[in-house]
Amino acid sequence: MEASTEERGEFALGWKVLFASAIGVACGASPVPFNVIGFTVEPLIAEFGWTRTQIVMPITIFGVIAALLAPFFGSLADKYGVRKVALYSLLAFGISFGMIALTPTAQVTSTLYIYYALWVLVGLVGIGSTPVSWSRAINLWFYKHRGLALGILLMGTSLAAISVPKLAVWGIENYGWRSMFAIVATLPLIIALPIGYFLFREPRTDERPKAIGGASGNLTGVTLKAALKDYRFWLIWVSIAIVAGSFGGAFINLPTMLSDRGLEAQTAASVMGVLGIGIFSGRIITGMLLDRFWAGFVAFPLLCLPALSCYILLGDNITFPMAAVAGFLLGFAAGAESDLIAYLTGRYFGMANYGKVYGMLYMPFGFFSALSPIIYANVRDTTGSYDPILSVAMFAFFIGGGLLLLLGRYPDNLPEAETPTTGNLAMEAS
């Protein structure tokens, strides 16, 4: 009964922060660009004659920059607190994403490079609005129900996958692709930012679960240097790289794959919506399972599901129901992977330097998710089909999931940080 009270207490104390964080994730730089870029392929080909590889290149530019900056933004969250990092980054992301609408209309040599430069700006300022920041706060509020809480947090990407594609298609069809960027940019500015300003904060020491602190009340956890010497860090890192490298390209190029097989844009957007439902389901189910079972046993079967998606997407013809099944399974595994990154970071390496460690583990996720779309697009441009890369991805999902079976048990004791972080001191003062 006592444990049950503590579990209810986590949600009673932290539900407002969890709600604000989920909205922040939904409107942030993690899901929004990836849910938009696939629908710009046909309009940009029509206007500029660019290749598919050139058109999806911005998501690679954005993703690589964001991945490289993830540890930096994570360390800022550790040092100064999540609130400042997340809210300022939301503001900067919304403004910079909307600025893509300023891409020149004339086809001149510099047009493509101006378009790329605007995406560079999004990558430089947006990473603080991703789970790199928000998940630190959730890990500080929750322990017994951490898996479920992280699943709810990362449902934000599900909300984006369900709603943003349809908003993007509507914006393109009614106002053009440039205006679409400005329309989508209102999501972080007029929805997530006000909610985050009024509801989002880190817990005080007396509000934190006792399990994440030491005898003196300071957070427990290893340093980044110690984490980098731990074989488990690299197992997680490589697993994330393999799965993200297989998933990212399939996700971004899915509208084009479906178009190649005769499905219309609105139908493709519906499939992306089903994918979003898959992500939603993956978040919640994975989170609940992580609270009850060891992560390796949870991860392996779930990360193998996209192999079936790849099999369904092979060939020349596909019906909407089969495309929906492929999208759902692909999304379910994506939801599972994102939950796992945040959960495994907290359980194996602790919270004292969570932002730095998570940032390093987010790096392969961001980098390979960004690199994968141009690999898929290049295969399509050179061979006329996505089938060769889908065949490779089928096996990659099995390997990536299998690596997590080698992690071993969670550590029983983690070292206590010598002093509170600057961010925590700021919260105490408030």
Protein backbone atom coordinates (compact mmCIF):
# COMPACT_ATOMS: atom_id res chain seq x y z
CA MET A 1 0.00 0.00 0.00
CA GLU A 2 2.85 2.37 0.81
CA ALA A 3 4.48 1.76 -2.57
CA SER A 4 1.16 2.37 -4.29
CA THR A 5 0.86 5.74 -2.55
CA GLU A 6 4.34 6.72 -3.74
CA GLU A 7 3.50 5.72 -7.30
CA ARG A 8 0.31 7.79 -7.29
CA GLY A 9 2.27 10.59 -5.73
CA GLU A 10 4.64 10.84 -8.69
CA PHE A 11 1.80 11.59 -11.09
CA ALA A 12 0.00 13.81 -8.59
CA LEU A 13 3.11 15.96 -8.28
CA GLY A 14 4.37 15.83 -11.84
CA TRP A 15 1.37 15.63 -14.18
CA LYS A 16 1.42 19.31 -15.15
CA VAL A 17 5.11 19.11 -16.04
CA LEU A 18 4.51 15.87 -17.94
CA PHE A 19 1.68 17.46 -19.94
CA ALA A 20 3.73 20.54 -20.80
CA SER A 21 6.71 18.37 -21.74
CA ALA A 22 4.64 16.17 -24.05
CA ILE A 23 3.28 19.24 -25.85
CA GLY A 24 6.82 20.64 -26.04
CA VAL A 25 8.08 17.43 -27.63
CA ALA A 26 5.14 17.38 -30.09
CA CYS A 27 5.84 20.92 -31.29
CA GLY A 28 9.62 20.74 -31.08
CA ALA A 29 12.47 20.03 -33.44
CA SER A 30 12.45 16.27 -32.95
CA PRO A 31 9.25 15.33 -34.83
CA VAL A 32 8.13 18.41 -36.78
CA PRO A 33 10.83 18.62 -39.52
CA PHE A 34 10.71 14.86 -40.12
CA ASN A 35 6.92 14.94 -40.54
CA VAL A 36 7.08 17.79 -43.06
CA ILE A 37 10.02 17.14 -45.36
CA GLY A 38 8.54 14.14 -47.19
CA PHE A 39 5.63 16.23 -48.48
CA THR A 40 7.91 18.87 -50.02
CA VAL A 41 9.42 16.42 -52.54
CA GLU A 42 6.85 16.79 -55.33
CA PRO A 43 6.35 20.60 -54.99
CA LEU A 44 10.12 21.23 -55.06
CA ILE A 45 10.66 18.92 -58.02
CA ALA A 46 7.88 20.77 -59.83
CA GLU A 47 9.27 24.23 -59.04
CA PHE A 48 13.03 23.72 -59.16
CA GLY A 49 13.66 20.33 -60.78
CA TRP A 50 15.83 19.21 -57.86
CA THR A 51 16.45 15.51 -57.31
CA ARG A 52 14.93 13.60 -54.42
CA THR A 53 18.36 13.35 -52.83
CA GLN A 54 18.80 17.13 -52.98
CA ILE A 55 15.33 17.68 -51.54
CA VAL A 56 15.73 15.40 -48.51
CA MET A 57 19.31 16.61 -47.90
CA PRO A 58 18.08 19.39 -45.54
CA ILE A 59 16.82 16.83 -43.03
CA THR A 60 20.30 15.30 -43.06
CA ILE A 61 21.92 18.70 -42.58
CA PHE A 62 19.52 19.51 -39.76
CA GLY A 63 19.90 16.11 -38.13
CA VAL A 64 23.69 15.98 -38.24
CA ILE A 65 24.02 19.45 -36.72
CA ALA A 66 21.43 18.64 -34.06
CA ALA A 67 23.13 15.33 -33.25
CA LEU A 68 26.53 16.97 -32.83
CA LEU A 69 25.05 19.66 -30.58
CA ALA A 70 22.97 17.26 -28.45
CA PRO A 71 25.68 16.73 -25.78
CA PHE A 72 26.21 20.50 -25.59
CA PHE A 73 22.52 21.24 -25.05
CA GLY A 74 22.34 18.33 -22.60
CA SER A 75 25.18 19.80 -20.56
CA LEU A 76 23.40 23.19 -20.56
CA ALA A 77 20.30 21.49 -19.15
CA ASP A 78 22.43 19.81 -16.46
CA LYS A 79 24.10 23.10 -15.54
CA TYR A 80 21.40 25.74 -15.90
CA GLY A 81 18.21 23.71 -15.65
CA VAL A 82 15.86 22.33 -18.29
CA ARG A 83 13.33 25.17 -18.23
CA LYS A 84 15.59 27.83 -19.73
CA VAL A 85 17.07 25.50 -22.35
CA ALA A 86 13.75 24.03 -23.48
CA LEU A 87 11.71 27.24 -23.65
CA TYR A 88 14.35 29.39 -25.35
CA SER A 89 14.99 26.63 -27.85
CA LEU A 90 11.26 26.30 -28.60
CA LEU A 91 11.13 30.01 -29.37
CA ALA A 92 14.22 29.87 -31.59
CA PHE A 93 13.01 26.72 -33.37
CA GLY A 94 9.63 28.23 -34.22
CA ILE A 95 11.17 31.41 -35.62
CA SER A 96 13.89 29.63 -37.62
CA PHE A 97 11.51 26.99 -39.03
CA GLY A 98 9.12 29.68 -40.17
CA MET A 99 11.99 31.48 -41.90
CA ILE A 100 12.26 28.61 -44.43
CA ALA A 101 9.26 30.31 -46.05
CA LEU A 102 11.74 33.03 -47.16
CA THR A 103 13.38 30.68 -49.69
CA PRO A 104 13.72 32.66 -52.96
CA THR A 105 11.08 32.01 -55.60
CA ALA A 106 13.42 32.40 -58.57
CA GLN A 107 15.47 29.44 -59.71
CA VAL A 108 18.99 30.75 -59.40
CA THR A 109 22.23 28.96 -58.56
CA SER A 110 22.11 30.12 -54.95
CA THR A 111 18.49 29.09 -54.26
CA LEU A 112 19.37 25.56 -53.19
CA TYR A 113 22.14 26.82 -50.90
CA ILE A 114 19.91 29.45 -49.31
CA TYR A 115 17.35 26.70 -48.67
CA TYR A 116 20.07 24.57 -47.07
CA ALA A 117 21.35 27.52 -45.00
CA LEU A 118 17.90 28.05 -43.48
CA TRP A 119 17.85 24.41 -42.41
CA VAL A 120 21.32 24.82 -40.90
CA LEU A 121 19.87 27.56 -38.68
CA VAL A 122 17.06 25.25 -37.56
CA GLY A 123 19.63 22.64 -36.56
CA LEU A 124 21.75 25.12 -34.63
CA VAL A 125 18.94 26.36 -32.38
CA GLY A 126 16.34 23.59 -32.29
CA ILE A 127 17.91 20.68 -30.40
CA GLY A 128 17.04 22.10 -26.98
CA SER A 129 13.35 21.58 -27.82
CA THR A 130 13.82 17.81 -28.25
CA PRO A 131 13.69 15.00 -25.64
CA VAL A 132 17.35 15.77 -24.87
CA SER A 133 15.95 18.48 -22.59
CA TRP A 134 12.41 17.45 -21.70
CA SER A 135 13.30 13.88 -20.68
CA ARG A 136 15.73 15.10 -18.02
CA ALA A 137 12.89 16.78 -16.16
CA ILE A 138 10.65 13.72 -16.45
CA ASN A 139 13.41 11.46 -15.13
CA LEU A 140 13.72 13.83 -12.16
CA TRP A 141 9.99 13.71 -11.37
CA PHE A 142 9.43 9.96 -11.90
CA TYR A 143 11.15 6.72 -10.89
CA LYS A 144 8.66 3.94 -10.08
CA HIS A 145 6.57 4.85 -13.13
CA ARG A 146 9.44 6.27 -15.15
CA GLY A 147 8.84 4.04 -18.16
CA LEU A 148 5.19 5.02 -18.40
CA ALA A 149 5.98 8.69 -17.81
CA LEU A 150 8.61 8.69 -20.55
CA GLY A 151 6.13 6.94 -22.83
CA ILE A 152 3.58 9.67 -22.18
CA LEU A 153 6.24 12.33 -22.72
CA LEU A 154 7.29 10.89 -26.04
CA MET A 155 3.67 10.54 -27.13
CA GLY A 156 4.35 14.08 -28.27
CA THR A 157 6.00 12.67 -31.37
CA SER A 158 2.89 10.56 -31.94
CA LEU A 159 0.71 13.65 -31.79
CA ALA A 160 3.01 15.27 -34.34
CA ALA A 161 2.94 12.23 -36.64
CA ILE A 162 -0.86 12.16 -36.51
CA SER A 163 -1.49 15.88 -37.02
CA VAL A 164 1.51 17.55 -38.70
CA PRO A 165 1.41 15.61 -42.02
CA LYS A 166 -2.23 16.54 -42.59
CA LEU A 167 -1.50 20.16 -41.63
CA ALA A 168 1.46 20.17 -44.03
CA VAL A 169 -0.56 18.71 -46.92
CA TRP A 170 -3.38 21.19 -46.27
CA GLY A 171 -0.93 24.09 -46.17
CA ILE A 172 0.79 23.04 -49.40
CA GLU A 173 -2.46 22.44 -51.29
CA ASN A 174 -4.05 25.73 -50.21
CA TYR A 175 -1.14 28.16 -49.78
CA GLY A 176 1.98 26.55 -51.27
CA TRP A 177 4.97 24.86 -49.69
CA ARG A 178 6.59 28.09 -48.46
CA SER A 179 3.55 29.18 -46.50
CA MET A 180 3.29 25.66 -45.13
CA PHE A 181 6.54 26.20 -43.21
CA ALA A 182 5.17 29.39 -41.67
CA ILE A 183 1.90 27.68 -40.74
CA VAL A 184 3.63 24.71 -39.07
CA ALA A 185 6.00 27.10 -37.24
CA THR A 186 3.06 28.46 -35.25
CA LEU A 187 2.85 25.16 -33.33
CA PRO A 188 5.88 25.77 -31.08
CA LEU A 189 5.22 29.52 -30.86
CA ILE A 190 1.54 29.76 -29.95
CA ILE A 191 0.87 26.32 -28.43
CA ALA A 192 3.94 24.77 -26.78
CA LEU A 193 5.70 27.91 -25.58
CA PRO A 194 2.82 29.39 -23.53
CA ILE A 195 1.97 26.00 -21.99
CA GLY A 196 5.62 25.39 -21.13
CA TYR A 197 6.02 28.87 -19.64
CA PHE A 198 3.20 28.37 -17.15
CA LEU A 199 3.48 24.63 -16.35
CA PHE A 200 7.02 23.35 -16.93
CA ARG A 201 9.72 23.22 -14.23
CA GLU A 202 12.17 20.87 -12.51
CA PRO A 203 11.27 19.43 -9.09
CA ARG A 204 12.65 20.71 -5.82
CA THR A 205 14.75 18.26 -3.81
CA ASP A 206 11.77 17.36 -1.58
CA GLU A 207 9.66 16.63 -4.68
CA ARG A 208 12.14 14.23 -6.29
CA PRO A 209 11.82 10.42 -5.89
CA LYS A 210 14.19 9.28 -3.15
CA ALA A 211 15.68 6.58 -5.40
CA ILE A 212 17.47 9.08 -7.65
CA GLY A 213 19.28 10.84 -4.81
CA GLY A 214 21.97 9.92 -2.31
CA ALA A 215 22.11 10.30 1.46
CA SER A 216 22.76 14.04 1.22
CA GLY A 217 19.97 14.56 -1.30
CA ASN A 218 22.25 15.11 -4.30
CA LEU A 219 21.53 13.21 -7.51
CA THR A 220 23.32 9.92 -8.17
CA GLY A 221 24.97 8.90 -11.44
CA VAL A 222 28.24 8.38 -13.26
CA THR A 223 30.24 11.03 -15.06
CA LEU A 224 30.29 11.17 -18.85
CA LYS A 225 33.91 10.00 -18.76
CA ALA A 226 32.95 6.92 -16.76
CA ALA A 227 29.98 6.21 -19.05
CA LEU A 228 32.22 6.30 -22.12
CA LYS A 229 34.37 3.56 -20.55
CA ASP A 230 31.35 1.32 -19.93
CA TYR A 231 30.70 -1.37 -22.57
CA ARG A 232 26.96 -0.95 -22.01
CA PHE A 233 27.12 2.62 -23.25
CA TRP A 234 28.56 1.44 -26.55
CA LEU A 235 26.10 -1.44 -26.92
CA ILE A 236 23.27 1.07 -26.58
CA TRP A 237 25.05 3.53 -28.91
CA VAL A 238 25.54 0.98 -31.70
CA SER A 239 22.01 -0.40 -31.33
CA ILE A 240 20.56 3.10 -31.62
CA ALA A 241 22.71 3.81 -34.68
CA ILE A 242 21.60 0.65 -36.51
CA VAL A 243 17.89 1.02 -35.77
CA ALA A 244 17.82 4.79 -36.44
CA GLY A 245 19.75 4.33 -39.68
CA SER A 246 17.17 1.82 -40.85
CA PHE A 247 14.07 3.65 -39.62
CA GLY A 248 14.84 7.27 -40.53
CA GLY A 249 15.00 6.75 -44.28
CA ALA A 250 11.89 4.57 -44.35
CA PHE A 251 9.96 7.18 -42.36
CA ILE A 252 11.00 10.22 -44.40
CA ASN A 253 10.64 8.49 -47.76
CA LEU A 254 7.40 6.67 -46.94
CA PRO A 255 5.18 9.23 -48.70
CA THR A 256 7.33 8.89 -51.84
CA MET A 257 7.34 5.08 -51.58
CA LEU A 258 3.57 5.09 -51.43
CA SER A 259 3.37 7.59 -54.31
CA ASP A 260 5.56 5.27 -56.40
CA ARG A 261 3.02 2.54 -55.74
CA GLY A 262 0.07 4.68 -56.86
CA LEU A 263 -1.29 6.07 -53.59
CA GLU A 264 -2.32 9.75 -53.53
CA ALA A 265 -0.85 12.39 -51.19
CA GLN A 266 -3.88 12.47 -48.89
CA THR A 267 -3.81 8.67 -48.65
CA ALA A 268 -0.10 8.80 -47.85
CA ALA A 269 -0.85 11.39 -45.15
CA SER A 270 -3.43 8.99 -43.71
CA VAL A 271 -0.80 6.26 -43.61
CA MET A 272 1.52 8.66 -41.81
CA GLY A 273 -1.31 9.24 -39.36
CA VAL A 274 -1.54 5.49 -38.77
CA LEU A 275 2.23 5.52 -38.26
CA GLY A 276 1.65 8.15 -35.61
CA ILE A 277 -0.89 5.89 -33.91
CA GLY A 278 1.78 3.18 -33.98
CA ILE A 279 4.26 5.53 -32.31
CA PHE A 280 1.60 6.40 -29.73
CA SER A 281 0.96 2.72 -28.99
CA GLY A 282 4.67 1.95 -28.90
CA ARG A 283 5.31 4.71 -26.39
CA ILE A 284 2.66 3.62 -23.89
CA ILE A 285 3.05 -0.15 -24.20
CA THR A 286 6.84 0.02 -24.10
CA GLY A 287 6.77 2.36 -21.12
CA MET A 288 4.46 0.05 -19.17
CA LEU A 289 6.58 -2.99 -20.03
CA LEU A 290 9.80 -1.23 -18.98
CA ASP A 291 8.30 -0.59 -15.55
CA ARG A 292 7.73 -4.35 -15.16
CA PHE A 293 10.40 -6.21 -17.13
CA TRP A 294 14.09 -5.90 -17.94
CA ALA A 295 14.70 -3.61 -20.91
CA GLY A 296 16.49 -6.18 -23.09
CA PHE A 297 13.52 -8.56 -23.07
CA VAL A 298 11.22 -5.67 -23.93
CA ALA A 299 13.40 -4.15 -26.65
CA PHE A 300 14.31 -7.11 -28.85
CA PRO A 301 10.87 -8.22 -30.08
CA LEU A 302 9.60 -4.66 -30.44
CA LEU A 303 12.58 -3.47 -32.50
CA CYS A 304 12.14 -6.43 -34.87
CA LEU A 305 8.63 -5.32 -35.92
CA PRO A 306 9.82 -2.91 -38.68
CA ALA A 307 11.37 -5.86 -40.53
CA LEU A 308 7.81 -6.89 -41.39
CA SER A 309 7.08 -3.32 -42.51
CA CYS A 310 10.03 -3.46 -44.90
CA TYR A 311 8.76 -6.76 -46.31
CA ILE A 312 5.28 -5.32 -46.89
CA LEU A 313 6.72 -2.25 -48.66
CA LEU A 314 8.74 -4.34 -51.13
CA GLY A 315 7.36 -4.67 -54.65
CA ASP A 316 5.38 -2.50 -57.05
CA ASN A 317 1.84 -2.64 -55.69
CA ILE A 318 0.40 -2.03 -52.25
CA THR A 319 -3.12 -1.49 -50.93
CA PHE A 320 -4.03 1.08 -48.30
CA PRO A 321 -4.70 -1.56 -45.59
CA MET A 322 -1.27 -3.15 -46.10
CA ALA A 323 0.40 0.27 -46.19
CA ALA A 324 -1.39 1.12 -42.94
CA VAL A 325 -0.11 -2.08 -41.31
CA ALA A 326 3.43 -1.30 -42.45
CA GLY A 327 3.14 2.24 -41.13
CA PHE A 328 1.73 1.10 -37.79
CA LEU A 329 4.51 -1.45 -37.15
CA LEU A 330 7.17 1.03 -38.23
CA GLY A 331 5.76 3.62 -35.87
CA PHE A 332 5.38 1.17 -33.00
CA ALA A 333 9.08 0.31 -33.10
CA ALA A 334 10.03 3.98 -33.41
CA GLY A 335 8.04 4.68 -30.27
CA ALA A 336 9.80 1.85 -28.48
CA GLU A 337 13.29 3.04 -29.48
CA SER A 338 12.83 6.61 -28.28
CA ASP A 339 11.47 5.39 -24.93
CA LEU A 340 14.46 3.09 -24.57
CA ILE A 341 17.10 5.79 -25.08
CA ALA A 342 15.80 7.93 -22.23
CA TYR A 343 14.98 4.99 -19.96
CA LEU A 344 18.30 3.17 -20.40
CA THR A 345 20.26 6.37 -19.83
CA GLY A 346 18.60 6.97 -16.47
CA ARG A 347 18.71 3.36 -15.27
CA TYR A 348 22.29 2.49 -16.27
CA PHE A 349 24.02 5.85 -15.81
CA GLY A 350 21.88 7.83 -13.33
CA MET A 351 20.72 11.44 -13.23
CA ALA A 352 23.74 13.41 -11.96
CA ASN A 353 25.02 13.93 -15.53
CA TYR A 354 21.95 12.76 -17.41
CA GLY A 355 21.95 15.55 -20.00
CA LYS A 356 25.54 14.90 -21.10
CA VAL A 357 25.15 11.12 -21.27
CA TYR A 358 21.75 11.27 -22.95
CA GLY A 359 23.10 13.83 -25.40
CA MET A 360 25.87 11.40 -26.40
CA LEU A 361 23.33 8.61 -26.84
CA TYR A 362 21.00 10.91 -28.77
CA MET A 363 23.87 11.65 -31.14
CA PRO A 364 23.67 8.36 -33.11
CA PHE A 365 19.87 8.65 -33.12
CA GLY A 366 19.99 12.14 -34.61
CA PHE A 367 22.93 11.49 -36.92
CA PHE A 368 21.79 8.21 -38.46
CA SER A 369 18.14 9.26 -38.61
CA ALA A 370 19.40 12.21 -40.65
CA LEU A 371 21.82 10.27 -42.83
CA SER A 372 19.38 7.48 -43.60
CA PRO A 373 16.89 9.51 -45.71
CA ILE A 374 19.50 10.51 -48.31
CA ILE A 375 20.73 6.92 -48.51
CA TYR A 376 17.18 5.75 -49.21
CA ALA A 377 16.63 8.61 -51.68
CA ASN A 378 19.92 7.97 -53.44
CA VAL A 379 19.09 4.28 -53.85
CA ARG A 380 15.75 5.33 -55.36
CA ASP A 381 17.43 7.86 -57.69
CA THR A 382 20.08 5.40 -58.91
CA THR A 383 18.09 2.14 -59.08
CA GLY A 384 14.54 3.41 -59.60
CA SER A 385 13.32 1.50 -56.52
CA TYR A 386 13.51 1.50 -52.73
CA ASP A 387 13.56 -2.30 -52.63
CA PRO A 388 17.36 -2.79 -52.27
CA ILE A 389 17.63 -0.60 -49.17
CA LEU A 390 14.43 -2.03 -47.66
CA SER A 391 15.96 -5.51 -47.98
CA VAL A 392 19.05 -4.39 -46.05
CA ALA A 393 16.94 -2.68 -43.40
CA MET A 394 15.01 -5.88 -42.68
CA PHE A 395 18.13 -7.56 -41.31
CA ALA A 396 19.44 -4.41 -39.61
CA PHE A 397 16.40 -4.18 -37.34
CA PHE A 398 17.06 -7.70 -36.00
CA ILE A 399 20.72 -6.89 -35.29
CA GLY A 400 19.98 -3.57 -33.59
CA GLY A 401 17.39 -5.09 -31.28
CA GLY A 402 19.53 -8.13 -30.49
CA LEU A 403 22.43 -6.04 -29.16
CA LEU A 404 20.32 -4.86 -26.22
CA LEU A 405 20.04 -8.44 -24.98
CA LEU A 406 23.71 -8.15 -23.98
CA LEU A 407 23.31 -5.24 -21.52
CA GLY A 408 23.00 -7.20 -18.28
CA ARG A 409 21.22 -6.18 -15.08
CA TYR A 410 20.70 -2.59 -13.95
CA PRO A 411 23.38 -1.31 -11.54
CA ASP A 412 22.39 -1.53 -7.87
CA ASN A 413 24.36 1.52 -6.70
CA LEU A 414 25.45 4.65 -8.52
CA PRO A 415 27.86 7.25 -7.09
CA GLU A 416 26.40 10.39 -5.57
CA ALA A 417 27.25 13.73 -7.15
CA GLU A 418 29.50 15.85 -4.95
CA THR A 419 27.43 19.02 -5.39
CA PRO A 420 24.03 19.89 -6.85
CA THR A 421 23.97 21.24 -10.39
CA THR A 422 23.53 24.95 -10.99
CA GLY A 423 20.09 24.23 -12.41
CA ASN A 424 18.98 22.43 -9.26
CA LEU A 425 20.32 25.23 -7.07
CA ALA A 426 18.27 27.68 -9.10
CA MET A 427 15.16 25.59 -8.51
CA GLU A 428 15.84 25.47 -4.76
CA ALA A 429 16.12 29.25 -4.69
CA SER A 430 12.82 29.63 -6.53
